[in-house]
Protein backbone atom coordinates (compact mmCIF):
# COMPACT_ATOMS: atom_id res chain seq x y z
CA UNK A 1 -15.21 -12.68 27.96
CA UNK A 2 -12.31 -11.73 25.67
CA UNK A 3 -9.57 -9.74 27.53
CA UNK A 4 -9.93 -6.16 27.96
CA UNK A 5 -6.78 -5.47 25.96
CA UNK A 6 -8.29 -7.10 22.85
CA UNK A 7 -11.80 -5.68 23.10
CA UNK A 8 -12.03 -1.93 23.83
CA UNK A 9 -15.36 -0.60 23.81
CA UNK A 10 -15.82 3.10 23.29
CA UNK A 11 -18.81 5.24 24.09
CA UNK A 12 -19.14 8.75 23.36
CA UNK A 13 -22.04 10.38 25.08
CA UNK A 14 -23.58 13.77 24.82
CA UNK A 15 -25.56 13.42 28.00
CA UNK A 16 -25.07 13.12 31.95
CA UNK A 17 -25.12 9.38 31.44
CA UNK A 18 -22.83 6.92 29.56
CA UNK A 19 -24.27 4.87 26.63
CA UNK A 20 -22.35 1.88 25.43
CA UNK A 21 -20.97 1.41 21.89
CA UNK A 22 -18.25 -0.66 20.23
CA UNK A 23 -15.81 -0.49 17.26
CA UNK A 24 -16.78 -3.22 15.05
CA UNK A 25 -16.81 -6.03 18.16
CA UNK A 26 -13.21 -5.96 17.99
CA UNK A 27 -11.11 -2.63 17.93
CA UNK A 28 -8.22 -4.45 16.57
CA UNK A 29 -9.98 -5.30 13.47
CA UNK A 30 -7.96 -2.98 11.43
CA UNK A 31 -6.02 -3.20 8.22
CA UNK A 32 -3.65 -6.06 8.87
CA UNK A 33 -1.13 -5.05 11.52
CA UNK A 34 -2.28 -1.49 12.32
CA UNK A 35 -3.47 -1.40 15.89
CA UNK A 36 -5.92 1.42 17.00
CA UNK A 37 -7.14 1.90 20.84
CA UNK A 38 -8.82 4.62 22.55
CA UNK A 39 -7.32 6.20 25.70
CA UNK A 40 -10.46 5.54 27.86
CA UNK A 41 -13.99 3.81 27.61
CA UNK A 42 -16.12 6.64 27.79
CA UNK A 43 -16.18 10.58 26.80
CA UNK A 44 -18.99 12.37 28.53
CA UNK A 45 -19.53 16.03 27.51
CA UNK A 46 -22.25 18.62 27.42
CA UNK A 47 -21.25 20.36 24.23
CA UNK A 48 -17.87 19.10 22.97
CA UNK A 49 -15.12 16.92 24.40
CA UNK A 50 -11.68 15.40 23.31
CA UNK A 51 -10.40 11.83 23.85
CA UNK A 52 -6.99 10.46 22.32
CA UNK A 53 -6.73 7.36 20.00
CA UNK A 54 -3.76 5.44 19.79
CA UNK A 55 -2.27 4.04 16.70
CA UNK A 56 0.49 1.53 16.60
CA UNK A 57 2.48 0.13 13.52
CA UNK A 58 3.00 -3.59 13.86
CA UNK A 59 4.40 -3.65 10.07
CA UNK A 60 7.93 -4.57 9.89
CA UNK A 61 8.40 -1.51 7.43
CA UNK A 62 7.64 2.17 7.85
CA UNK A 63 4.19 3.55 7.14
CA UNK A 64 3.97 6.79 5.57
CA UNK A 65 1.40 9.67 5.78
CA UNK A 66 -0.79 7.90 8.36
CA UNK A 67 -4.23 9.51 8.86
CA UNK A 68 -7.23 8.77 11.05
CA UNK A 69 -10.59 9.99 9.76
CA UNK A 70 -13.85 10.53 11.36
CA UNK A 71 -17.39 11.04 9.80
CA UNK A 72 -20.74 11.89 11.71
CA UNK A 73 -24.05 10.67 10.39
CA UNK A 74 -26.04 13.28 11.22
CA UNK A 75 -25.94 17.35 10.71
CA UNK A 76 -24.84 19.55 13.53
CA UNK A 77 -22.34 17.12 14.95
CA UNK A 78 -18.69 17.96 13.77
CA UNK A 79 -15.47 15.99 14.30
CA UNK A 80 -12.09 17.39 14.24
CA UNK A 81 -8.88 15.07 14.42
CA UNK A 82 -5.43 16.54 14.82
CA UNK A 83 -3.06 16.10 13.48
CA UNK A 84 -4.25 15.56 10.26
CA UNK A 85 -1.31 13.17 9.47
CA UNK A 86 1.49 11.62 10.70
CA UNK A 87 4.46 11.59 7.97
CA UNK A 88 6.19 8.35 9.05
CA UNK A 89 5.71 5.60 11.67
CA UNK A 90 8.49 3.32 12.07
CA UNK A 91 7.88 -0.63 13.13
CA UNK A 92 6.53 -0.73 16.30
CA UNK A 93 5.97 2.98 16.81
CA UNK A 94 2.91 4.31 18.82
CA UNK A 95 1.22 7.61 17.97
CA UNK A 96 -1.83 9.37 19.10
CA UNK A 97 -4.59 11.35 17.49
CA UNK A 98 -6.61 13.77 19.36
CA UNK A 99 -10.51 13.38 18.35
CA UNK A 100 -12.62 16.28 19.34
CA UNK A 101 -16.55 16.01 18.93
CA UNK A 102 -18.81 19.09 18.98
CA UNK A 103 -22.63 19.13 19.07
CA UNK A 104 -23.84 22.23 17.29
CA UNK A 105 -27.20 24.01 17.62
CA UNK A 106 -28.75 21.92 14.91
CA UNK A 107 -27.61 18.42 16.12
CA UNK A 108 -30.44 16.12 16.38
CA UNK A 109 -31.20 14.55 19.71
CA UNK A 110 -30.72 10.49 19.89
CA UNK A 111 -28.45 7.98 18.90
CA UNK A 112 -26.06 8.61 16.01
CA UNK A 113 -22.63 7.07 14.99
CA UNK A 114 -19.01 8.25 14.27
CA UNK A 115 -17.50 6.40 11.65
CA UNK A 116 -13.76 5.89 11.79
CA UNK A 117 -11.36 5.07 9.26
CA UNK A 118 -7.39 4.65 8.88
CA UNK A 119 -5.48 5.37 5.75
CA UNK A 120 -1.76 5.32 4.82
CA UNK A 121 0.18 5.42 1.56
CA UNK A 122 0.95 1.61 1.57
CA UNK A 123 -2.85 0.84 2.36
CA UNK A 124 -4.91 -0.06 -0.47
CA UNK A 125 -2.40 -1.32 -2.93
CA UNK A 126 -3.68 -4.25 -4.82
CA UNK A 127 -7.71 -3.08 -4.54
CA UNK A 128 -9.64 -2.34 -7.18
CA UNK A 129 -9.00 1.25 -7.06
CA UNK A 130 -5.29 0.96 -8.00
CA UNK A 131 -5.87 -1.30 -10.82
CA UNK A 132 -6.53 -0.32 -14.37
CA UNK A 133 -10.04 0.40 -15.31
CA UNK A 134 -9.92 -2.50 -17.86
CA UNK A 135 -7.97 -5.27 -16.56
CA UNK A 136 -5.38 -7.00 -18.86
CA UNK A 137 -6.66 -10.14 -20.29
CA UNK A 138 -5.17 -13.33 -21.71
CA UNK A 139 -5.87 -11.91 -25.30
CA UNK A 140 -3.96 -8.66 -24.33
CA UNK A 141 -0.82 -10.80 -23.07
CA UNK A 142 -0.87 -12.90 -26.27
CA UNK A 143 -0.80 -9.97 -28.47
CA UNK A 144 2.19 -8.66 -26.46
CA UNK A 145 3.68 -12.39 -26.65
CA UNK A 146 3.96 -11.87 -30.56
CA UNK A 147 5.75 -8.45 -30.13
CA UNK A 148 8.99 -8.12 -32.06
CA UNK A 149 11.01 -6.91 -29.01
CA UNK A 150 11.95 -9.95 -27.13
CA UNK A 151 11.68 -7.85 -23.65
CA UNK A 152 8.08 -7.14 -24.31
CA UNK A 153 7.67 -11.05 -24.96
CA UNK A 154 9.31 -12.45 -21.70
CA UNK A 155 7.25 -10.09 -19.80
CA UNK A 156 3.95 -11.23 -21.40
CA UNK A 157 5.21 -14.85 -21.34
CA UNK A 158 5.88 -14.68 -17.58
CA UNK A 159 2.44 -13.17 -16.78
CA UNK A 160 0.83 -15.75 -19.04
CA UNK A 161 2.54 -18.68 -17.27
CA UNK A 162 1.58 -17.19 -13.81
CA UNK A 163 -1.99 -17.10 -14.89
CA UNK A 164 -1.61 -20.89 -16.36
CA UNK A 165 -1.75 -20.19 -19.81
CA UNK A 166 -0.08 -22.82 -21.96
CA UNK A 167 1.16 -20.16 -24.66
CA UNK A 168 3.20 -18.45 -21.96
CA UNK A 169 4.55 -21.93 -20.58
CA UNK A 170 5.47 -22.89 -24.02
CA UNK A 171 7.11 -19.84 -24.92
CA UNK A 172 9.59 -19.82 -21.98
CA UNK A 173 10.26 -23.63 -22.49
CA UNK A 174 11.48 -22.85 -25.94
CA UNK A 175 13.65 -19.93 -24.47
CA UNK A 176 14.97 -21.84 -21.61
CA UNK A 177 16.05 -24.38 -24.29
CA UNK A 178 18.41 -21.68 -25.83
CA UNK A 179 19.62 -20.83 -22.47
CA UNK A 180 17.85 -17.17 -22.34
CA UNK A 181 18.67 -16.17 -18.72
CA UNK A 182 15.81 -13.65 -18.76
CA UNK A 183 13.30 -16.44 -19.61
CA UNK A 184 14.93 -18.71 -16.80
CA UNK A 185 14.48 -15.95 -14.33
CA UNK A 186 10.84 -15.24 -15.72
CA UNK A 187 10.02 -18.88 -15.26
CA UNK A 188 11.14 -18.98 -11.62
CA UNK A 189 8.95 -15.53 -10.91
CA UNK A 190 5.90 -17.19 -12.73
CA UNK A 191 5.39 -19.71 -9.88
CA UNK A 192 4.44 -22.30 -12.47
CA UNK A 193 5.58 -25.90 -11.49
CA UNK A 194 5.02 -26.99 -15.05
CA UNK A 195 8.21 -25.24 -16.26
CA UNK A 196 10.31 -27.29 -13.45
CA UNK A 197 11.24 -30.23 -15.96
CA UNK A 198 12.41 -27.67 -18.37
CA UNK A 199 14.60 -26.03 -16.18
CA UNK A 200 16.66 -29.11 -14.32
CA UNK A 201 18.73 -29.92 -17.22
CA UNK A 202 20.05 -26.27 -17.39
CA UNK A 203 21.50 -26.95 -14.10
CA UNK A 204 24.21 -29.08 -15.78
CA UNK A 205 24.79 -26.20 -18.61
CA UNK A 206 28.47 -25.77 -19.39
CA UNK A 207 27.65 -21.78 -19.07
CA UNK A 208 27.96 -20.70 -15.48
CA UNK A 209 25.47 -17.75 -16.25
CA UNK A 210 22.73 -20.20 -17.15
CA UNK A 211 23.23 -22.82 -14.53
CA UNK A 212 23.45 -20.11 -11.94
CA UNK A 213 20.35 -18.30 -12.91
CA UNK A 214 18.70 -21.78 -13.00
CA UNK A 215 19.51 -22.08 -9.31
CA UNK A 216 17.77 -18.88 -8.67
CA UNK A 217 14.67 -19.84 -10.66
CA UNK A 218 14.30 -23.04 -9.08
CA UNK A 219 14.82 -21.65 -5.54
CA UNK A 220 11.84 -19.30 -6.22
CA UNK A 221 9.87 -22.50 -7.61
CA UNK A 222 11.15 -24.48 -4.57
CA UNK A 223 11.90 -27.38 -6.85
CA UNK A 224 15.08 -29.52 -7.83
CA UNK A 225 16.59 -28.28 -4.45
CA UNK A 226 18.96 -31.37 -3.88
CA UNK A 227 20.40 -30.68 -7.16
CA UNK A 228 20.80 -26.98 -6.47
CA UNK A 229 22.76 -27.72 -3.12
CA UNK A 230 24.97 -30.07 -5.10
CA UNK A 231 26.21 -26.75 -6.84
CA UNK A 232 27.24 -24.67 -3.68
CA UNK A 233 31.03 -25.89 -4.16
CA UNK A 234 31.14 -24.93 -7.84
CA UNK A 235 34.44 -23.58 -8.78
CA UNK A 236 32.48 -20.73 -10.67
CA UNK A 237 31.65 -18.03 -7.97
CA UNK A 238 28.28 -16.90 -9.93
CA UNK A 239 27.27 -20.55 -9.85
CA UNK A 240 28.01 -21.16 -6.17
CA UNK A 241 26.63 -17.74 -5.06
CA UNK A 242 23.25 -18.40 -6.95
CA UNK A 243 23.01 -21.81 -5.61
CA UNK A 244 23.10 -20.63 -2.05
CA UNK A 245 20.79 -17.91 -2.88
CA UNK A 246 18.38 -19.98 -4.58
CA UNK A 247 18.48 -22.09 -1.57
CA UNK A 248 17.58 -19.29 0.53
CA UNK A 249 14.82 -18.29 -1.44
CA UNK A 250 13.26 -21.47 -1.31
CA UNK A 251 13.69 -21.25 2.48
CA UNK A 252 16.31 -24.34 2.55
CA UNK A 253 19.47 -22.99 3.72
CA UNK A 254 21.68 -22.57 6.93
CA UNK A 255 23.86 -20.00 8.35
CA UNK A 256 26.97 -21.02 6.39
CA UNK A 257 25.10 -19.99 3.20
CA UNK A 258 24.12 -16.57 4.66
CA UNK A 259 27.84 -16.01 5.68
CA UNK A 260 29.04 -17.04 2.33
CA UNK A 261 26.56 -14.65 0.64
CA UNK A 262 27.61 -11.75 3.00
CA UNK A 263 31.36 -12.23 1.79
CA UNK A 264 30.22 -12.05 -1.63
CA UNK A 265 28.15 -8.80 -1.24
CA UNK A 266 31.68 -7.07 -1.87
CA UNK A 267 32.88 -9.49 -4.83
CA UNK A 268 34.69 -7.61 -7.85
CA UNK A 269 31.80 -9.13 -10.27
CA UNK A 270 28.73 -7.36 -10.04
CA UNK A 271 26.59 -10.51 -11.13
CA UNK A 272 27.97 -12.20 -7.97
CA UNK A 273 27.22 -9.08 -5.74
CA UNK A 274 23.45 -9.07 -7.18
CA UNK A 275 23.07 -12.85 -6.42
CA UNK A 276 24.33 -12.53 -3.04
CA UNK A 277 22.54 -9.41 -2.32
CA UNK A 278 19.01 -11.05 -3.63
CA UNK A 279 19.61 -14.09 -1.06
CA UNK A 280 20.86 -11.79 1.80
CA UNK A 281 17.81 -9.41 1.26
CA UNK A 282 15.36 -12.45 1.07
CA UNK A 283 16.86 -12.96 4.87
CA UNK A 284 16.23 -8.98 5.65
CA UNK A 285 20.09 -8.18 5.73
CA UNK A 286 19.27 -4.54 5.15
CA UNK A 287 23.07 -3.76 3.76
CA UNK A 288 22.15 -6.13 0.64
CA UNK A 289 19.78 -3.45 -0.52
CA UNK A 290 22.25 -0.72 -1.16
CA UNK A 291 24.28 -3.36 -3.12
CA UNK A 292 21.03 -4.01 -5.26
CA UNK A 293 20.83 -0.46 -5.66
CA UNK A 294 24.25 0.05 -6.75
CA UNK A 295 24.01 -2.83 -9.20
CA UNK A 296 20.79 -1.39 -10.62
CA UNK A 297 22.65 1.89 -11.28
CA UNK A 298 24.96 0.49 -13.66
CA UNK A 299 24.76 0.88 -17.25
CA UNK A 300 24.86 -2.59 -18.39
CA UNK A 301 21.31 -3.07 -19.43
CA UNK A 302 21.30 -6.87 -18.51
CA UNK A 303 22.43 -5.98 -15.07
CA UNK A 304 19.78 -3.53 -14.58
CA UNK A 305 17.11 -6.11 -15.56
CA UNK A 306 19.00 -8.58 -13.27
CA UNK A 307 18.92 -6.25 -10.23
CA UNK A 308 15.22 -5.25 -11.21
CA UNK A 309 14.11 -9.01 -11.13
CA UNK A 310 15.69 -9.12 -7.84
CA UNK A 311 13.93 -5.88 -6.52
CA UNK A 312 10.60 -6.85 -7.70
CA UNK A 313 10.53 -10.40 -6.37
CA UNK A 314 11.57 -8.79 -2.67
CA UNK A 315 8.68 -6.44 -3.00
CA UNK A 316 6.13 -9.17 -4.00
CA UNK A 317 7.51 -11.30 -0.96
CA UNK A 318 7.15 -8.24 1.26
CA UNK A 319 3.69 -7.71 -0.13
CA UNK A 320 2.65 -11.37 0.93
CA UNK A 321 4.19 -11.18 4.16
CA UNK A 322 2.94 -7.59 5.43
CA UNK A 323 0.06 -7.16 2.81
CA UNK A 324 1.99 -4.23 1.63
CA UNK A 325 2.27 -3.49 -2.24
CA UNK A 326 5.99 -2.43 -1.82
CA UNK A 327 8.59 -0.72 0.40
CA UNK A 328 8.17 2.76 1.23
CA UNK A 329 9.28 5.42 -1.57
CA UNK A 330 12.79 6.09 -1.64
CA UNK A 331 14.79 9.50 -2.09
CA UNK A 332 14.25 10.87 -5.55
CA UNK A 333 16.71 8.89 -7.57
CA UNK A 334 19.11 10.35 -10.13
CA UNK A 335 18.34 9.37 -13.88
CA UNK A 336 20.67 6.86 -15.30
CA UNK A 337 21.26 5.45 -19.10
CA UNK A 338 17.91 4.29 -20.39
CA UNK A 339 17.41 0.82 -20.28
CA UNK A 340 15.35 0.84 -23.51
CA UNK A 341 17.79 -1.73 -25.33
CA UNK A 342 16.85 -4.59 -22.98
CA UNK A 343 13.15 -3.39 -21.93
CA UNK A 344 11.06 -1.74 -24.48
CA UNK A 345 7.42 -1.53 -25.54
CA UNK A 346 5.77 -3.68 -22.76
CA UNK A 347 1.80 -3.48 -22.28
CA UNK A 348 0.98 -1.58 -18.97
CA UNK A 349 -0.42 -4.40 -17.14
CA UNK A 350 2.38 -4.25 -14.32
CA UNK A 351 1.45 -0.41 -13.86
CA UNK A 352 -0.44 0.54 -10.77
CA UNK A 353 -1.93 3.89 -9.73
CA UNK A 354 -3.49 4.80 -6.36
CA UNK A 355 -4.77 8.42 -5.67
CA UNK A 356 -3.02 9.91 -2.23
CA UNK A 357 -4.59 11.86 0.62
CA UNK A 358 -5.11 14.53 1.50
CA UNK A 359 -6.74 16.02 -1.74
CA UNK A 360 -7.55 19.72 -2.04
CA UNK A 361 -10.56 21.21 -3.40
CA UNK A 362 -10.46 21.48 -7.05
CA UNK A 363 -13.10 23.78 -7.91
CA UNK A 364 -11.00 26.83 -8.68
CA UNK A 365 -7.74 24.56 -9.02
CA UNK A 366 -5.92 22.32 -6.78
CA UNK A 367 -3.35 19.77 -6.50
CA UNK A 368 -4.45 16.08 -6.72
CA UNK A 369 -1.70 13.59 -5.87
CA UNK A 370 -1.52 9.97 -7.11
CA UNK A 371 0.97 7.20 -6.09
CA UNK A 372 2.70 5.39 -9.48
CA UNK A 373 4.31 1.87 -9.00
CA UNK A 374 5.31 -0.60 -11.49
CA UNK A 375 6.56 -4.12 -11.37
CA UNK A 376 8.53 -4.26 -14.49
CA UNK A 377 12.17 -5.50 -14.23
CA UNK A 378 13.66 -2.21 -15.63
CA UNK A 379 13.09 1.52 -15.15
CA UNK A 380 10.61 3.58 -17.02
CA UNK A 381 11.96 6.88 -18.30
CA UNK A 382 10.34 10.35 -19.08
CA UNK A 383 7.08 9.28 -17.42
CA UNK A 384 4.02 11.64 -17.81
CA UNK A 385 1.01 11.54 -16.14
CA UNK A 386 -2.49 13.67 -17.05
CA UNK A 387 -6.09 13.49 -16.32
CA UNK A 388 -9.15 14.24 -18.30
CA UNK A 389 -12.91 13.99 -18.28
CA UNK A 390 -16.18 15.89 -18.50
CA UNK A 391 -15.74 18.94 -16.17
CA UNK A 392 -11.96 18.18 -15.70
CA UNK A 393 -9.37 20.92 -16.99
CA UNK A 394 -5.60 19.67 -16.52
CA UNK A 395 -3.64 22.71 -15.57
CA UNK A 396 -0.39 20.97 -14.96
CA UNK A 397 0.43 17.48 -15.93
CA UNK A 398 2.98 15.48 -13.35
CA UNK A 399 6.39 14.12 -14.91
CA UNK A 400 9.14 12.07 -13.59
CA UNK A 401 12.35 11.66 -15.55
CA UNK A 402 12.92 7.91 -13.99
CA UNK A 403 11.02 5.47 -11.98
CA UNK A 404 12.58 2.29 -10.84
CA UNK A 405 10.89 -1.03 -9.88
CA UNK A 406 9.43 -1.31 -6.31
CA UNK A 407 9.71 2.56 -6.02
CA UNK A 408 6.43 4.42 -5.19
CA UNK A 409 6.62 7.72 -6.59
CA UNK A 410 4.21 10.54 -5.64
CA UNK A 411 3.12 13.13 -8.31
CA UNK A 412 0.97 15.95 -8.22
CA UNK A 413 -1.29 17.18 -11.15
CA UNK A 414 -2.93 20.62 -11.43
CA UNK A 415 -6.67 20.06 -11.61
CA UNK A 416 -9.57 22.33 -12.02
CA UNK A 417 -12.94 20.57 -11.79
CA UNK A 418 -16.67 21.66 -12.24
CA UNK A 419 -19.18 19.34 -11.19
CA UNK A 420 -22.68 19.32 -12.97
CA UNK A 421 -25.65 19.87 -10.60
CA UNK A 422 -23.38 20.84 -7.92
CA UNK A 423 -22.00 17.44 -7.16
CA UNK A 424 -19.44 16.92 -4.59
CA UNK A 425 -17.13 14.90 -6.52
CA UNK A 426 -16.71 13.76 -10.43
CA UNK A 427 -14.50 11.23 -11.84
CA UNK A 428 -11.31 11.91 -14.00
CA UNK A 429 -9.48 9.86 -16.30
CA UNK A 430 -5.72 9.33 -15.67
CA UNK A 431 -3.29 8.40 -18.31
CA UNK A 432 -0.09 7.36 -17.66
CA UNK A 433 2.76 7.24 -20.68
CA UNK A 434 6.45 6.31 -20.50
CA UNK A 435 9.18 5.87 -23.15
CA UNK A 436 9.12 2.16 -22.74
CA UNK A 437 5.42 1.61 -22.52
CA UNK A 438 3.76 0.70 -25.96
CA UNK A 439 0.42 2.04 -24.98
CA UNK A 440 -0.62 4.11 -21.92
CA UNK A 441 -1.76 2.86 -18.51
CA UNK A 442 -5.61 3.92 -17.98
CA UNK A 443 -6.86 4.34 -14.33
CA UNK A 444 -9.89 6.39 -12.87
CA UNK A 445 -9.73 8.81 -9.92
CA UNK A 446 -12.19 11.02 -7.91
CA UNK A 447 -11.72 14.57 -8.23
CA UNK A 448 -13.26 16.62 -5.31
CA UNK A 449 -15.22 19.94 -6.25
CA UNK A 450 -16.54 21.06 -2.68
CA UNK A 451 -14.93 20.62 0.99
CA UNK A 452 -17.54 17.96 1.56
CA UNK A 453 -16.30 16.09 -1.78
CA UNK A 454 -12.68 16.41 -0.32
CA UNK A 455 -13.79 14.31 2.88
CA UNK A 456 -15.68 12.04 0.54
CA UNK A 457 -12.44 11.17 -1.59
CA UNK A 458 -10.34 10.94 1.97
CA UNK A 459 -13.01 8.18 3.17
CA UNK A 460 -12.86 6.58 -0.22
CA UNK A 461 -8.98 5.99 0.13
CA UNK A 462 -9.20 4.76 3.77
CA UNK A 463 -9.99 1.60 5.43
CA UNK A 464 -12.82 1.39 7.95
CA UNK A 465 -12.07 1.08 11.83
CA UNK A 466 -15.46 0.83 12.94
CA UNK A 467 -18.57 2.93 14.41
CA UNK A 468 -18.52 4.93 17.69
CA UNK A 469 -22.02 5.19 19.05
CA UNK A 470 -22.94 8.80 19.78
CA UNK A 471 -26.30 9.94 21.92
CA UNK A 472 -27.05 13.51 21.82
CA UNK A 473 -29.37 14.64 24.69
CA UNK A 474 -30.27 18.50 24.65
CA UNK A 475 -29.55 19.88 28.11
CA UNK A 476 -32.35 22.78 27.28
CA UNK A 477 -35.20 20.04 27.28
CA UNK A 478 -34.61 18.87 30.65
CA UNK A 479 -33.72 22.25 32.54
CA UNK A 480 -37.13 22.32 34.25
CA UNK A 481 -36.29 18.43 35.29
CA UNK A 482 -32.84 19.10 36.33
CA UNK A 483 -32.92 22.52 38.00
CA UNK A 484 -36.63 23.46 38.38
CA UNK A 485 -37.73 20.36 40.34
CA UNK A 486 -34.53 20.81 42.97
CA UNK A 487 -35.60 24.35 43.29
CA UNK A 488 -39.06 23.66 43.87
CA UNK A 489 -38.33 20.86 46.50
CA UNK A 490 -36.15 23.87 48.15
CA UNK A 491 -39.01 26.41 48.03
CA UNK A 492 -41.38 23.54 49.37
CA UNK A 493 -39.06 22.77 52.22
CA UNK A 494 -38.75 26.37 53.20
CA UNK A 495 -42.51 26.84 53.14
CA UNK A 496 -43.18 23.72 55.04
CA UNK A 497 -40.49 25.01 57.86
CA UNK A 498 -42.04 28.39 57.97
CA UNK A 499 -45.55 26.86 58.67
CA UNK A 500 -44.10 24.48 61.14
CA UNK A 501 -42.85 27.48 62.83
CA UNK A 502 -46.11 29.41 62.64
CA UNK A 503 -47.88 26.48 64.42
CA UNK A 504 -45.43 26.73 67.32
């Protein structure tokens, strides 16, 4: 039998006796590291009762807007959960939701199920709902590869190489041969080992920017590490820093490397600071993130893209470690000079959108919130989000002056929705445009037109925890049995006693 701490059966009974139930056999079968546990095995009630369900965040990062959602499978049964959300749960934090179940007059007797789900802003990134309606194909990327803007081409080449497409590998190979640093970093980020033979010769390049950047790329690819280690003692501060950072990215370093990088976080050269911060942040050194933000805020477009590559790589690593798409949203950034000269006209294949919760009823107008995220190595400027569709009226688009890589921005759209034939929800098409995007990103969300639709949308965005068994037994049907029979026995006993006295 599993230990009690791992399996916690939960029964909710609307009768005088308990009925066993369970949560997916294992109450810990929740999204990754979110732990859910009830305070007691059984809740017994006549018309209503309350119990607490504890939620603990075992992610190493903060979860935002955590919500527990419940839905009954029969009319007349109502569930209310408070609070409606927990704004932020730090790593290791434990919170409690109060679940109240009420059986109304129309609740049918018998067995039912309470379905519980968990939602949070960081849950769901990477699912089908957060991807473009029409996934980007190799043909789309091949067209972008031929764009006249080199920034568009390098992004497309990286994506193609990641997919194993030879056109992307060949394009990067040619750019690496000319010592193009963005192409060198793209080769490392692609994860394609076919590019290693073209990178290795660049370790000996006389240009320290080229050889240092190659150390970072090979670190991401976990290749050529002996040669990279040989550059630790380079007299070029950038090369020595990038070599040690590359070894950390590859998981092959020692405390001396990390100590060296810590000292370089305050170097006068921003390129050295950025390379050092990349390696330190990989080892969860929180002060390094501030350095990356500082470098990212510089006006040098090449530095912006360098820091952007670091931020995106760190976010992708965090995704792999914790199943979260990106770190929590930061405070609203201040706009800086556009990076358009170094980053222009990309295709929208690195843009993701997710519907936020809660969402208001849009029958007479409401606010629909979406979360926007991108993995381009530079910021997007003048971002505009709009919604359209049959029965959809956009009353206010959402705009954002500046969106950094790895930043999750929450934007609110004013929407009025009129559903055909009294439907509770209708689909809406969302388009995202920005100065740097050659074509808009396109997504589909669900807009609620009734209060029932609000609940439907909320459940669509949540991850199921399991079902709680509910059994309705109407006491009115058993009044004679529960109260009449004991009274009859008392009356019978009194009569028997009276008759016995008469005989005496």
